[in-house]
N, C-alpha and C. Protein backbone atom coordinates (compact mmCIF):
# COMPACT_ATOMS: atom_id res chain seq x y z
N MET A 1 -32.33 -10.16 -2.75
CA MET A 1 -31.11 -9.18 -2.67
C MET A 1 -32.00 -7.55 -3.19
N VAL A 2 -31.30 -6.92 -2.25
CA VAL A 2 -31.75 -5.36 -2.18
C VAL A 2 -30.85 -4.41 -3.02
N SER A 3 -31.13 -3.92 -4.20
CA SER A 3 -29.58 -3.50 -4.94
C SER A 3 -30.00 -1.79 -4.07
N ASN A 4 -28.62 -1.15 -4.01
CA ASN A 4 -28.70 0.55 -3.82
C ASN A 4 -28.84 1.14 -5.10
N THR A 5 -29.85 1.30 -5.44
CA THR A 5 -30.09 2.53 -6.71
C THR A 5 -30.19 4.02 -6.85
N ARG A 6 -29.83 4.29 -5.20
CA ARG A 6 -29.56 5.91 -4.94
C ARG A 6 -28.52 5.92 -5.86
N LYS A 7 -28.31 7.68 -6.43
CA LYS A 7 -27.10 7.91 -6.86
C LYS A 7 -26.47 8.91 -5.74
N LEU A 8 -25.36 8.52 -5.57
CA LEU A 8 -24.33 9.30 -4.38
C LEU A 8 -23.16 10.03 -5.84
N GLU A 9 -23.34 11.26 -5.14
CA GLU A 9 -22.15 11.76 -5.89
C GLU A 9 -20.74 11.55 -5.57
N PRO A 10 -19.63 10.95 -6.53
CA PRO A 10 -18.37 10.99 -6.27
C PRO A 10 -18.20 12.54 -5.23
N PRO A 11 -16.98 12.56 -4.67
CA PRO A 11 -16.11 12.83 -3.52
C PRO A 11 -15.79 14.09 -4.79
N SER A 12 -15.41 14.24 -5.85
CA SER A 12 -15.21 14.86 -6.76
C SER A 12 -14.78 14.59 -8.38
N ASP A 13 -15.46 15.64 -9.22
CA ASP A 13 -15.46 15.10 -10.32
C ASP A 13 -14.32 14.50 -11.46
N ASP A 14 -13.53 14.31 -10.62
CA ASP A 14 -11.93 13.36 -11.00
C ASP A 14 -12.43 11.73 -11.93
N LYS A 15 -11.85 12.17 -12.81
CA LYS A 15 -12.46 10.53 -13.74
C LYS A 15 -12.77 9.32 -13.20
N ARG A 16 -11.73 9.21 -12.31
CA ARG A 16 -11.43 8.05 -12.12
C ARG A 16 -11.84 7.46 -11.07
N TRP A 17 -13.09 8.31 -10.64
CA TRP A 17 -14.48 7.94 -9.80
C TRP A 17 -15.16 7.31 -10.86
N ARG A 18 -15.20 7.54 -12.06
CA ARG A 18 -16.14 6.32 -12.66
C ARG A 18 -15.73 5.54 -12.94
N ILE A 19 -14.41 5.49 -12.56
CA ILE A 19 -13.79 3.56 -12.48
C ILE A 19 -13.88 3.16 -11.18
N VAL A 20 -14.06 3.55 -9.88
CA VAL A 20 -14.60 3.16 -8.67
C VAL A 20 -16.44 2.84 -8.93
N VAL A 21 -16.83 3.68 -9.04
CA VAL A 21 -18.77 3.51 -9.83
C VAL A 21 -18.98 2.83 -10.29
N GLY A 22 -18.04 2.23 -11.63
CA GLY A 22 -18.53 1.20 -12.55
C GLY A 22 -18.50 -0.20 -11.49
N THR A 23 -17.05 -0.26 -10.76
CA THR A 23 -16.78 -1.42 -9.72
C THR A 23 -18.29 -1.63 -9.05
N MET A 24 -18.80 -1.01 -8.59
CA MET A 24 -19.70 -0.55 -7.43
C MET A 24 -20.90 -1.16 -8.36
N ARG A 25 -21.75 -0.18 -9.55
CA ARG A 25 -22.51 -1.14 -10.37
C ARG A 25 -22.73 -1.97 -10.71
N ARG A 26 -21.72 -2.88 -11.43
CA ARG A 26 -20.90 -4.26 -11.88
C ARG A 26 -21.65 -5.05 -10.50
N ASN A 27 -21.30 -4.48 -9.22
CA ASN A 27 -21.42 -5.14 -8.54
C ASN A 27 -23.21 -5.31 -7.40
N GLY A 28 -24.02 -4.29 -8.14
CA GLY A 28 -25.19 -4.10 -7.97
C GLY A 28 -25.25 -3.29 -6.29
N PHE A 29 -24.23 -2.77 -6.33
CA PHE A 29 -23.71 -1.39 -5.30
C PHE A 29 -24.15 -2.39 -3.97
N ALA A 30 -23.36 -4.15 -4.04
CA ALA A 30 -24.10 -4.85 -2.80
C ALA A 30 -22.44 -4.55 -1.82
N ARG A 31 -22.82 -4.98 -0.60
CA ARG A 31 -22.05 -4.97 0.34
C ARG A 31 -20.88 -5.74 0.66
N HIS A 32 -21.22 -7.29 -0.37
CA HIS A 32 -20.24 -7.94 -0.77
C HIS A 32 -19.11 -7.64 -1.27
N SER A 33 -19.34 -6.28 -2.48
CA SER A 33 -18.00 -6.12 -3.03
C SER A 33 -17.62 -4.97 -2.35
N LEU A 34 -17.63 -4.79 -1.25
CA LEU A 34 -16.54 -3.69 -0.68
C LEU A 34 -15.47 -3.89 -0.87
N ILE A 35 -14.51 -5.31 -0.45
CA ILE A 35 -12.99 -5.43 -1.05
C ILE A 35 -12.41 -5.19 -2.39
N GLU A 36 -13.44 -5.58 -3.20
CA GLU A 36 -13.18 -5.40 -4.42
C GLU A 36 -13.15 -3.68 -4.71
N THR A 37 -13.95 -3.16 -4.25
CA THR A 37 -14.58 -1.44 -4.29
C THR A 37 -13.34 -0.98 -3.55
N LEU A 38 -12.88 -1.54 -2.45
CA LEU A 38 -11.17 -0.16 -2.35
C LEU A 38 -10.44 -0.37 -3.23
N HIS A 39 -10.42 -1.69 -3.50
CA HIS A 39 -9.17 -2.45 -4.21
C HIS A 39 -9.04 -1.44 -5.37
N THR A 40 -10.52 -1.02 -6.08
CA THR A 40 -10.75 -0.39 -7.53
C THR A 40 -10.15 1.11 -7.04
N VAL A 41 -9.91 1.82 -5.62
CA VAL A 41 -9.97 2.95 -5.17
C VAL A 41 -8.60 2.61 -4.97
N GLN A 42 -8.12 2.01 -4.55
CA GLN A 42 -6.10 1.57 -3.95
C GLN A 42 -5.59 2.11 -5.65
N GLU A 43 -6.10 1.03 -6.81
CA GLU A 43 -5.52 0.70 -8.02
C GLU A 43 -6.05 2.44 -8.64
N SER A 44 -6.54 3.03 -8.14
CA SER A 44 -7.39 3.94 -9.44
C SER A 44 -6.27 5.52 -8.26
N PHE A 45 -6.10 5.47 -7.39
CA PHE A 45 -5.96 6.52 -6.38
C PHE A 45 -4.24 6.85 -5.99
N GLY A 46 -3.97 5.22 -5.45
CA GLY A 46 -2.85 5.06 -5.03
C GLY A 46 -3.14 4.99 -3.42
N PHE A 47 -3.48 4.91 -2.93
CA PHE A 47 -4.08 5.14 -1.60
C PHE A 47 -5.60 5.15 -1.10
N LEU A 48 -6.15 4.94 0.42
CA LEU A 48 -7.65 5.27 0.43
C LEU A 48 -7.46 6.37 1.54
N ASP A 49 -7.80 7.26 1.20
CA ASP A 49 -8.36 8.42 2.01
C ASP A 49 -9.53 8.37 2.42
N GLU A 50 -9.92 9.42 4.05
CA GLU A 50 -10.63 9.27 4.87
C GLU A 50 -12.28 9.37 3.47
N GLU A 51 -12.17 10.81 2.62
CA GLU A 51 -13.44 10.96 1.74
C GLU A 51 -13.63 9.55 1.06
N SER A 52 -13.00 8.82 0.32
CA SER A 52 -13.07 7.69 0.01
C SER A 52 -13.49 6.54 0.27
N LEU A 53 -13.23 6.59 2.23
CA LEU A 53 -13.73 5.49 2.78
C LEU A 53 -15.12 6.10 2.61
N HIS A 54 -15.38 7.09 3.61
CA HIS A 54 -16.70 7.43 3.39
C HIS A 54 -17.70 7.63 2.68
N TYR A 55 -16.97 7.43 1.14
CA TYR A 55 -17.66 7.56 0.42
C TYR A 55 -18.20 6.18 -0.64
N VAL A 56 -17.21 5.05 -0.41
CA VAL A 56 -17.31 3.76 -0.66
C VAL A 56 -18.40 3.06 0.90
N ALA A 57 -18.37 3.73 2.40
CA ALA A 57 -19.20 3.35 3.08
C ALA A 57 -20.81 3.25 2.43
N GLU A 58 -20.97 4.92 2.40
CA GLU A 58 -22.08 5.25 2.00
C GLU A 58 -22.49 4.59 0.79
N SER A 59 -21.90 4.50 -0.18
CA SER A 59 -22.44 4.21 -2.04
C SER A 59 -22.84 2.20 -1.22
N LEU A 60 -22.36 1.95 -0.59
CA LEU A 60 -22.43 0.38 -0.53
C LEU A 60 -23.49 -0.02 1.32
N ARG A 61 -23.61 1.01 1.44
CA ARG A 61 -24.45 1.07 2.81
C ARG A 61 -23.84 0.07 3.62
N VAL A 62 -22.66 0.00 3.83
CA VAL A 62 -21.72 -0.43 4.60
C VAL A 62 -21.25 0.55 5.72
N PRO A 63 -21.06 0.35 7.40
CA PRO A 63 -20.78 0.92 8.47
C PRO A 63 -19.49 1.60 8.28
N LEU A 64 -19.28 2.35 8.40
CA LEU A 64 -18.05 3.02 8.28
C LEU A 64 -17.08 2.41 9.07
N SER A 65 -17.03 1.58 10.44
CA SER A 65 -16.19 1.21 11.11
C SER A 65 -15.90 0.10 10.68
N GLN A 66 -16.77 -0.80 9.26
CA GLN A 66 -16.46 -2.13 8.97
C GLN A 66 -15.49 -2.11 7.65
N VAL A 67 -15.53 -0.61 7.49
CA VAL A 67 -14.74 -0.05 6.06
C VAL A 67 -13.17 0.01 6.70
N TYR A 68 -13.06 0.84 7.39
CA TYR A 68 -12.10 1.28 8.49
C TYR A 68 -11.25 -0.14 8.80
N GLY A 69 -12.10 -1.18 9.29
CA GLY A 69 -11.63 -2.42 9.52
C GLY A 69 -10.88 -3.09 8.20
N VAL A 70 -11.66 -3.28 7.51
CA VAL A 70 -11.18 -3.88 6.28
C VAL A 70 -9.68 -3.38 5.58
N SER A 71 -10.45 -2.25 5.82
CA SER A 71 -9.21 -1.34 5.08
C SER A 71 -7.78 -1.07 5.59
N THR A 72 -7.91 -1.49 7.12
CA THR A 72 -6.50 -1.50 8.07
C THR A 72 -6.09 -3.29 8.03
N PHE A 73 -6.94 -3.98 7.90
CA PHE A 73 -6.49 -5.32 8.04
C PHE A 73 -5.84 -5.72 7.27
N TYR A 74 -6.08 -5.70 5.79
CA TYR A 74 -5.01 -5.81 4.99
C TYR A 74 -4.35 -4.73 4.20
N HIS A 75 -3.11 -5.73 4.34
CA HIS A 75 -1.84 -4.94 4.10
C HIS A 75 -1.69 -4.74 2.61
N LEU A 76 -2.22 -4.60 1.95
CA LEU A 76 -2.59 -4.28 0.29
C LEU A 76 -3.07 -2.90 0.46
N PHE A 77 -3.92 -2.67 1.73
CA PHE A 77 -4.41 -1.40 1.33
C PHE A 77 -3.68 -0.11 2.04
N SER A 78 -3.19 1.11 1.45
CA SER A 78 -2.67 1.99 2.03
C SER A 78 -3.39 3.05 2.55
N LEU A 79 -3.70 3.40 3.52
CA LEU A 79 -4.15 4.85 4.50
C LEU A 79 -3.40 6.39 3.60
N LYS A 80 -2.27 6.16 3.53
CA LYS A 80 -1.18 7.41 2.86
C LYS A 80 -1.00 7.08 1.51
N PRO A 81 -0.62 8.03 0.63
CA PRO A 81 0.22 8.37 -0.47
C PRO A 81 1.32 7.15 -0.28
N ALA A 82 1.47 6.95 -1.20
CA ALA A 82 3.31 6.28 -1.25
C ALA A 82 4.09 7.07 -2.06
N GLY A 83 4.82 6.61 -1.63
CA GLY A 83 6.47 7.72 -2.22
C GLY A 83 6.76 6.89 -3.67
N LYS A 84 7.44 8.08 -4.36
CA LYS A 84 8.10 8.00 -5.64
C LYS A 84 8.48 6.37 -5.71
N HIS A 85 9.28 6.02 -4.99
CA HIS A 85 9.97 4.45 -4.79
C HIS A 85 9.24 3.76 -3.04
N THR A 86 9.58 2.51 -3.34
CA THR A 86 9.33 1.68 -2.25
C THR A 86 10.25 0.43 -1.79
N CYS A 87 9.99 0.30 -0.39
CA CYS A 87 10.97 -0.93 -0.11
C CYS A 87 10.45 -1.44 0.72
N VAL A 88 9.58 -2.78 -0.21
CA VAL A 88 9.48 -3.66 1.33
C VAL A 88 10.32 -4.47 1.91
N THR A 89 10.34 -4.67 3.08
CA THR A 89 11.32 -5.35 4.02
C THR A 89 11.02 -6.62 4.57
N CYS A 90 11.07 -8.02 4.00
CA CYS A 90 10.50 -9.48 4.65
C CYS A 90 11.20 -8.88 6.20
N THR A 91 9.84 -9.51 6.83
CA THR A 91 9.86 -9.59 8.10
C THR A 91 9.91 -11.47 8.15
N GLY A 92 9.57 -11.79 7.73
CA GLY A 92 9.53 -13.13 7.90
C GLY A 92 10.53 -13.86 9.13
N THR A 93 10.66 -15.25 9.99
CA THR A 93 11.45 -15.86 10.42
C THR A 93 12.66 -15.71 9.81
N ALA A 94 12.64 -16.62 8.69
CA ALA A 94 14.00 -16.52 7.88
C ALA A 94 14.81 -15.24 8.06
N CYS A 95 14.15 -14.30 7.29
CA CYS A 95 14.62 -13.01 7.15
C CYS A 95 15.30 -11.67 8.34
N TYR A 96 14.06 -12.18 9.28
CA TYR A 96 14.50 -11.70 10.31
C TYR A 96 15.98 -12.16 11.37
N ILE A 97 15.51 -13.70 11.30
CA ILE A 97 17.11 -14.35 11.93
C ILE A 97 18.23 -13.76 10.80
N LYS A 98 18.74 -13.53 10.02
CA LYS A 98 19.06 -13.39 9.39
C LYS A 98 20.11 -11.96 8.75
N GLY A 99 18.87 -10.93 9.61
CA GLY A 99 19.37 -9.61 9.43
C GLY A 99 18.41 -8.13 9.17
N ALA A 100 16.85 -8.81 9.44
CA ALA A 100 15.97 -8.09 8.55
C ALA A 100 15.98 -6.53 9.74
N PRO A 101 15.91 -6.65 10.94
CA PRO A 101 16.18 -5.52 11.75
C PRO A 101 17.28 -4.43 11.56
N GLN A 102 18.24 -4.92 11.06
CA GLN A 102 19.45 -4.00 10.58
C GLN A 102 19.31 -3.19 9.36
N LEU A 103 18.62 -3.74 8.51
CA LEU A 103 18.60 -3.32 7.37
C LEU A 103 17.10 -2.40 7.62
N LEU A 104 16.37 -2.33 8.65
CA LEU A 104 15.24 -1.55 9.16
C LEU A 104 15.85 0.07 9.26
N ALA A 105 16.54 -0.45 10.88
CA ALA A 105 17.36 0.38 11.25
C ALA A 105 18.71 1.41 10.87
N ALA A 106 19.11 0.44 9.35
CA ALA A 106 19.68 1.39 8.65
C ALA A 106 18.67 2.25 7.59
N ILE A 107 17.53 1.55 7.26
CA ILE A 107 16.81 2.33 6.43
C ILE A 107 16.47 4.23 7.58
N ALA A 108 15.62 3.79 8.76
CA ALA A 108 15.40 5.08 10.21
C ALA A 108 16.63 5.86 10.02
N ASP A 109 17.98 5.19 9.97
CA ASP A 109 19.08 5.87 10.46
C ASP A 109 18.77 6.83 9.27
N LYS A 110 18.88 6.33 8.01
CA LYS A 110 19.45 7.73 6.37
C LYS A 110 18.33 8.08 6.38
N HIS A 111 17.07 7.36 6.02
CA HIS A 111 15.75 8.02 5.69
C HIS A 111 14.85 8.84 6.64
N GLY A 112 15.27 8.63 8.27
CA GLY A 112 14.49 9.09 8.68
C GLY A 112 13.09 8.81 9.06
N ILE A 113 12.68 7.71 8.61
CA ILE A 113 10.92 6.55 8.18
C ILE A 113 11.58 5.56 8.89
N ASN A 114 10.09 5.25 9.80
CA ASN A 114 10.07 3.50 9.97
C ASN A 114 9.13 3.10 9.69
N PRO A 115 9.12 1.32 9.45
CA PRO A 115 7.97 0.86 8.39
C PRO A 115 6.42 1.48 8.76
N GLU A 116 5.93 1.42 7.36
CA GLU A 116 4.68 1.91 7.09
C GLU A 116 4.81 3.65 7.00
N GLU A 117 6.01 4.40 6.68
CA GLU A 117 5.88 5.39 6.89
C GLU A 117 6.93 5.85 5.50
N THR A 118 6.52 7.29 4.80
CA THR A 118 6.82 7.53 3.79
C THR A 118 7.74 9.20 4.30
N THR A 119 8.93 9.33 3.55
CA THR A 119 9.72 10.78 3.91
C THR A 119 9.07 11.67 3.43
N GLU A 120 9.57 12.26 4.74
CA GLU A 120 8.69 14.10 4.09
C GLU A 120 8.33 14.53 2.55
N ASP A 121 9.92 13.96 1.99
CA ASP A 121 9.37 14.95 0.73
C ASP A 121 8.53 13.87 -0.35
N GLY A 122 7.96 12.46 0.19
CA GLY A 122 7.32 11.47 -0.51
C GLY A 122 8.42 11.04 -1.33
N ASN A 123 9.58 11.04 -1.51
CA ASN A 123 10.78 10.03 -2.14
C ASN A 123 10.38 8.31 -2.02
N LEU A 124 10.15 8.29 -0.67
CA LEU A 124 10.90 6.65 -0.75
C LEU A 124 9.57 6.55 0.49
N SER A 125 8.67 5.46 0.95
CA SER A 125 8.08 4.44 1.68
C SER A 125 8.68 3.32 1.89
N LEU A 126 8.89 2.74 2.98
CA LEU A 126 9.34 2.11 3.83
C LEU A 126 8.15 1.04 4.26
N LEU A 127 8.08 -0.18 3.70
CA LEU A 127 6.73 -0.97 4.07
C LEU A 127 7.59 -2.39 4.62
N THR A 128 6.66 -3.41 5.36
CA THR A 128 7.15 -4.58 5.75
C THR A 128 6.76 -5.66 5.23
N ALA A 129 6.93 -7.09 5.15
CA ALA A 129 5.97 -8.38 4.40
C ALA A 129 6.47 -9.11 5.15
N ARG A 130 5.10 -9.82 5.45
CA ARG A 130 5.45 -11.31 6.51
C ARG A 130 6.66 -12.06 6.15
N CYS A 131 6.30 -12.36 4.44
CA CYS A 131 7.23 -13.15 3.62
C CYS A 131 7.20 -12.84 2.75
N VAL A 132 7.97 -12.91 1.99
CA VAL A 132 7.95 -12.26 0.00
C VAL A 132 7.98 -13.44 -0.42
N GLY A 133 8.65 -14.64 0.01
CA GLY A 133 8.85 -15.81 -0.64
C GLY A 133 10.02 -16.37 -0.79
N SER A 134 10.72 -15.64 -0.72
CA SER A 134 12.53 -15.99 -0.95
C SER A 134 13.08 -16.30 0.22
N CYS A 135 12.83 -17.16 0.93
CA CYS A 135 13.75 -17.07 2.49
C CYS A 135 14.95 -18.20 2.31
N GLY A 136 15.39 -18.56 1.04
CA GLY A 136 16.59 -18.88 0.45
C GLY A 136 17.80 -17.25 0.52
N LEU A 137 17.30 -16.39 0.82
CA LEU A 137 18.11 -14.74 0.26
C LEU A 137 17.85 -13.92 1.04
N GLY A 138 17.32 -14.69 2.10
CA GLY A 138 17.29 -13.44 3.35
C GLY A 138 18.63 -13.08 3.74
N PRO A 139 18.40 -11.32 4.08
CA PRO A 139 17.88 -11.17 4.06
C PRO A 139 17.27 -10.42 2.73
N VAL A 140 15.89 -10.12 2.90
CA VAL A 140 15.43 -9.95 1.65
C VAL A 140 14.43 -8.48 1.74
N ALA A 141 14.73 -7.58 0.53
CA ALA A 141 14.06 -6.55 0.43
C ALA A 141 13.63 -6.51 -1.41
N VAL A 142 12.27 -5.79 -1.46
CA VAL A 142 11.73 -5.51 -2.66
C VAL A 142 12.10 -4.06 -2.67
N VAL A 143 12.72 -3.71 -3.95
CA VAL A 143 12.92 -2.32 -3.61
C VAL A 143 12.10 -2.29 -5.38
N ASP A 144 11.35 -0.94 -5.39
CA ASP A 144 10.48 -1.15 -6.72
C ASP A 144 10.21 -1.84 -7.35
N GLY A 145 9.61 -3.03 -6.95
CA GLY A 145 8.94 -4.21 -7.18
C GLY A 145 9.96 -5.37 -7.42
N GLU A 146 11.36 -5.25 -7.18
CA GLU A 146 12.68 -6.14 -7.70
C GLU A 146 13.09 -6.37 -6.08
N VAL A 147 12.99 -8.27 -6.87
CA VAL A 147 13.85 -8.48 -5.16
C VAL A 147 15.01 -8.43 -5.15
N VAL A 148 15.95 -8.10 -4.12
CA VAL A 148 17.02 -8.54 -3.97
C VAL A 148 17.10 -8.65 -2.79
N GLY A 149 18.20 -9.64 -2.65
CA GLY A 149 18.58 -10.75 -1.87
C GLY A 149 19.89 -10.56 -1.05
N LYS A 150 20.51 -11.38 0.30
CA LYS A 150 20.91 -11.47 0.53
C LYS A 150 22.12 -10.13 0.82
N LEU A 151 21.18 -9.07 1.38
CA LEU A 151 21.58 -7.90 1.87
C LEU A 151 22.11 -7.58 3.10
N THR A 152 23.05 -6.57 2.82
CA THR A 152 23.50 -5.67 4.48
C THR A 152 23.31 -4.52 4.10
N PRO A 153 23.11 -3.89 5.19
CA PRO A 153 22.49 -2.44 5.43
C PRO A 153 23.03 -1.77 4.12
N ASP A 154 24.76 -1.89 3.86
CA ASP A 154 24.95 -1.34 3.22
C ASP A 154 24.30 -1.15 1.38
N GLU A 155 24.62 -2.20 1.67
CA GLU A 155 24.36 -2.83 -0.06
C GLU A 155 22.28 -2.07 -0.13
N LEU A 156 21.68 -2.36 0.84
CA LEU A 156 20.29 -1.70 0.76
C LEU A 156 20.15 -0.35 0.75
N LEU A 157 21.51 0.75 1.75
CA LEU A 157 20.89 1.70 1.13
C LEU A 157 21.59 2.21 -0.10
N ALA A 158 22.72 1.62 -0.22
CA ALA A 158 22.66 1.90 -1.79
C ALA A 158 22.00 1.83 -2.83
N ARG A 159 21.14 0.41 -2.52
CA ARG A 159 20.41 -0.08 -3.89
C ARG A 159 19.57 1.12 -3.77
N LEU A 160 18.99 1.45 -2.58
CA LEU A 160 17.78 2.56 -2.81
C LEU A 160 18.18 3.78 -3.35
N GLN A 161 19.43 4.19 -2.72
CA GLN A 161 20.00 5.52 -3.55
C GLN A 161 20.14 5.54 -5.38
N GLU A 162 20.56 4.44 -5.56
CA GLU A 162 20.51 3.92 -6.86
C GLU A 162 19.19 4.14 -7.45
N VAL A 163 18.19 3.65 -6.88
CA VAL A 163 16.74 3.46 -8.03
C VAL A 163 16.52 4.99 -7.60
N MET A 164 16.33 5.86 -6.80
CA MET A 164 16.51 7.09 -6.44
C MET A 164 16.98 8.43 -7.13
N ASP A 165 18.26 7.83 -7.31
CA ASP A 165 19.37 8.91 -8.34
C ASP A 165 18.84 8.39 -9.82
N HIS A 166 18.48 7.38 -10.04
CA HIS A 166 17.81 7.01 -11.06
C HIS A 166 16.62 7.69 -11.93
N HIS A 167 15.81 7.80 -10.98
CA HIS A 167 14.46 7.79 -11.25
C HIS A 167 14.79 9.57 -11.21
N ASP A 168 15.35 10.00 -10.99
CA ASP A 168 15.52 11.76 -11.21
C ASP A 168 16.09 11.99 -12.07
N ASP A 169 16.54 11.60 -12.94
CA ASP A 169 17.46 11.93 -14.41
C ASP A 169 16.29 11.99 -15.52
């Protein structure tokens, strides 16, 4: 196994890059550490920007196309900064049948965003998941990490307003 001993400079002097470099160093700058390294970038910075993808590709000597492929294939990675609040709406079969499309439509109408988008003010990100494992509670959304079930569109909008108002205190 050939390790990458060349030292590339991180994109900035932000101290969070030390954590990312530590992950790569711990794995000998090996290609197989791509997912772990991207996960460390995501945890450190909240999302994967173009600059970080280029840096990881060069550091691990992985083609940029592969880094993009991995970062767009896995739903845990985001190429955009997340909003202050998140709403993950389940679109699995049970939730879909029980009203997930109406939940998404209500958020689009009220907040002007579609799935995988963030409001212009950066306050709310709308995400979807194929299943959150609470099928009996459908339709389900996860609002700032809390599972909320048997939702109507009005209940979801009220819940979102509640968390956004509470956060601004």
